Amino acid sequence: MQKRFNIKTVAPNALKAMISLETYLAQSSITKTNKELIKIRASQINKCAFCLNMHTQDAIKNGETNQRIFLLNAWKEAGTIFTEEEKVVLAMTEEITLIHQKGLSDETYTNALQFFSETQIADIIMAIITINQWNRVILSTNLMIGESLA
């Protein structure tokens, strides 16, 4: 792949805005486990190796198991490995990441209301949007594993 520009150098204010979203999400009520599941699953769908590498390591540091990470791509078929709450978060992640297919369905939204308040759902949506945004920046600039945004 051709080496491309560094987003921090070329568009520092845009990067600052993205980091502001991360700061907001760090203070949200979404659990660390759910945040990492969102980041890993969206990055799998988008085929962002840089983000997959980063967030699987972060998940393990936060206590996630290898088994659950290995099965994340097949979460629907993984039985009770993931909680019902996590399954709703993963369904939201897939439907929002693949927004061009149908978007967040009424069924998934209704299921989310069983576990989360509207504020929490808004935070989950913002977390999904944010990792998709990062995936697109990383993939568009050809940032490779081991390189830095800084």
Protein backbone atom coordinates (compact mmCIF):
# COMPACT_ATOMS: atom_id res chain seq x y z
CA MET A 1 0.00 0.00 0.00
CA GLN A 2 1.08 3.51 -0.77
CA LYS A 3 2.12 5.65 2.20
CA ARG A 4 -0.33 8.52 2.67
CA PHE A 5 -0.59 11.60 4.84
CA ASN A 6 -0.83 11.74 8.63
CA ILE A 7 -4.26 13.05 9.66
CA LYS A 8 -2.79 14.84 12.70
CA THR A 9 -0.46 16.86 10.48
CA VAL A 10 -2.90 17.58 7.66
CA ALA A 11 -6.15 18.07 9.63
CA PRO A 12 -5.29 18.52 13.32
CA ASN A 13 -8.62 20.13 14.22
CA ALA A 14 -10.54 17.23 12.71
CA LEU A 15 -8.46 14.82 14.80
CA LYS A 16 -9.13 16.92 17.91
CA ALA A 17 -12.87 16.70 17.23
CA MET A 18 -12.65 12.91 16.96
CA ILE A 19 -10.69 12.75 20.19
CA SER A 20 -13.40 14.87 21.84
CA LEU A 21 -15.91 12.15 20.94
CA GLU A 22 -13.63 9.58 22.58
CA THR A 23 -13.41 11.76 25.70
CA TYR A 24 -17.20 11.97 25.83
CA LEU A 25 -17.55 8.19 25.39
CA ALA A 26 -14.95 7.48 28.09
CA GLN A 27 -17.27 9.22 30.56
CA SER A 28 -20.46 7.58 29.27
CA SER A 29 -22.34 4.80 31.01
CA ILE A 30 -21.37 2.15 28.45
CA THR A 31 -19.36 -0.62 30.12
CA LYS A 32 -15.76 -1.13 29.03
CA THR A 33 -16.71 -4.60 27.82
CA ASN A 34 -19.49 -3.27 25.60
CA LYS A 35 -17.27 -0.48 24.28
CA GLU A 36 -14.60 -2.96 23.21
CA LEU A 37 -17.15 -5.37 21.72
CA ILE A 38 -18.49 -2.48 19.63
CA LYS A 39 -14.99 -1.47 18.52
CA ILE A 40 -13.90 -4.98 17.64
CA ARG A 41 -17.11 -6.00 15.84
CA ALA A 42 -17.31 -2.82 13.73
CA SER A 43 -13.61 -3.14 12.89
CA GLN A 44 -14.16 -6.75 11.82
CA ILE A 45 -16.96 -5.70 9.49
CA ASN A 46 -14.86 -2.84 8.08
CA LYS A 47 -11.72 -5.02 7.87
CA CYS A 48 -9.62 -2.49 9.79
CA ALA A 49 -6.56 -4.46 10.93
CA PHE A 50 -5.08 -1.45 12.74
CA CYS A 51 -8.18 -1.05 14.92
CA LEU A 52 -8.66 -4.80 15.40
CA ASN A 53 -5.10 -5.08 16.65
CA MET A 54 -5.52 -2.16 19.04
CA HIS A 55 -8.94 -3.04 20.43
CA THR A 56 -8.42 -6.76 20.88
CA GLN A 57 -5.35 -5.90 22.97
CA ASP A 58 -7.34 -3.31 24.93
CA ALA A 59 -10.15 -5.82 25.50
CA ILE A 60 -7.74 -8.42 26.86
CA LYS A 61 -6.21 -5.80 29.18
CA ASN A 62 -9.75 -5.09 30.44
CA GLY A 63 -10.33 -8.79 31.20
CA GLU A 64 -11.95 -10.02 28.00
CA THR A 65 -11.27 -13.66 27.17
CA ASN A 66 -9.61 -14.95 24.02
CA GLN A 67 -12.54 -17.31 23.46
CA ARG A 68 -15.06 -14.48 23.27
CA ILE A 69 -12.82 -12.45 20.97
CA PHE A 70 -12.33 -15.47 18.70
CA LEU A 71 -16.11 -16.06 18.57
CA LEU A 72 -17.15 -12.45 18.14
CA ASN A 73 -17.48 -12.78 14.37
CA ALA A 74 -19.99 -15.59 15.00
CA TRP A 75 -21.73 -14.12 18.05
CA LYS A 76 -25.22 -15.10 16.84
CA GLU A 77 -24.15 -18.75 16.67
CA ALA A 78 -22.11 -18.72 19.90
CA GLY A 79 -24.94 -19.71 22.23
CA THR A 80 -24.59 -18.29 25.73
CA ILE A 81 -21.02 -17.03 25.32
CA PHE A 82 -22.44 -13.49 25.04
CA THR A 83 -25.15 -12.10 27.34
CA GLU A 84 -28.49 -10.94 25.96
CA GLU A 85 -27.42 -7.34 26.64
CA GLU A 86 -24.20 -7.86 24.69
CA LYS A 87 -26.15 -9.45 21.83
CA VAL A 88 -28.30 -6.33 21.57
CA VAL A 89 -25.17 -4.16 21.49
CA LEU A 90 -23.66 -6.36 18.80
CA ALA A 91 -26.86 -6.30 16.74
CA MET A 92 -26.89 -2.50 16.98
CA THR A 93 -23.25 -2.41 15.95
CA GLU A 94 -23.88 -4.51 12.87
CA GLU A 95 -27.04 -2.69 11.80
CA ILE A 96 -25.51 0.77 12.21
CA THR A 97 -22.16 -0.19 10.68
CA LEU A 98 -24.03 -1.69 7.72
CA ILE A 99 -26.45 1.27 7.62
CA HIS A 100 -26.87 0.92 3.86
CA GLN A 101 -28.66 -2.41 4.32
CA LYS A 102 -31.54 -1.34 6.56
CA GLY A 103 -30.17 0.69 9.44
CA LEU A 104 -31.10 0.22 13.07
CA SER A 105 -34.25 -1.89 12.94
CA ASP A 106 -37.31 -1.30 15.11
CA GLU A 107 -36.87 -4.80 16.52
CA THR A 108 -33.30 -4.18 17.65
CA TYR A 109 -34.19 -0.75 19.04
CA THR A 110 -37.10 -2.25 21.01
CA ASN A 111 -34.80 -4.99 22.34
CA ALA A 112 -32.28 -2.33 23.38
CA LEU A 113 -34.95 -0.57 25.46
CA GLN A 114 -35.17 -3.73 27.60
CA PHE A 115 -31.59 -3.18 28.78
CA PHE A 116 -30.76 0.48 28.25
CA SER A 117 -32.21 3.94 28.78
CA GLU A 118 -32.60 6.27 25.79
CA THR A 119 -29.46 8.11 26.95
CA GLN A 120 -27.51 4.86 27.06
CA ILE A 121 -28.80 3.92 23.59
CA ALA A 122 -27.66 7.32 22.33
CA ASP A 123 -24.22 6.67 23.83
CA ILE A 124 -24.07 3.23 22.21
CA ILE A 125 -25.00 4.75 18.85
CA MET A 126 -22.28 7.39 19.28
CA ALA A 127 -19.73 4.68 20.15
CA ILE A 128 -20.65 2.77 16.99
CA ILE A 129 -20.46 5.88 14.84
CA THR A 130 -17.12 6.85 16.37
CA ILE A 131 -15.36 3.53 15.71
CA ASN A 132 -16.74 3.51 12.17
CA GLN A 133 -15.29 6.98 11.73
CA TRP A 134 -11.89 5.83 13.03
CA ASN A 135 -12.00 2.77 10.75
CA ARG A 136 -12.59 5.00 7.76
CA VAL A 137 -9.77 7.38 8.65
CA ILE A 138 -7.33 4.51 9.23
CA LEU A 139 -8.30 2.67 6.03
CA SER A 140 -8.35 5.83 3.89
CA THR A 141 -4.90 6.93 5.03
CA ASN A 142 -3.36 3.42 4.88
CA LEU A 143 -2.21 3.57 8.51
CA MET A 144 -0.48 0.29 9.27
CA ILE A 145 -0.27 -1.70 12.51
CA GLY A 146 2.52 -0.23 14.60
CA GLU A 147 2.29 3.25 13.10
CA SER A 148 0.91 6.15 15.08
CA LEU A 149 -1.66 8.82 14.41
CA ALA A 150 0.58 11.23 16.32
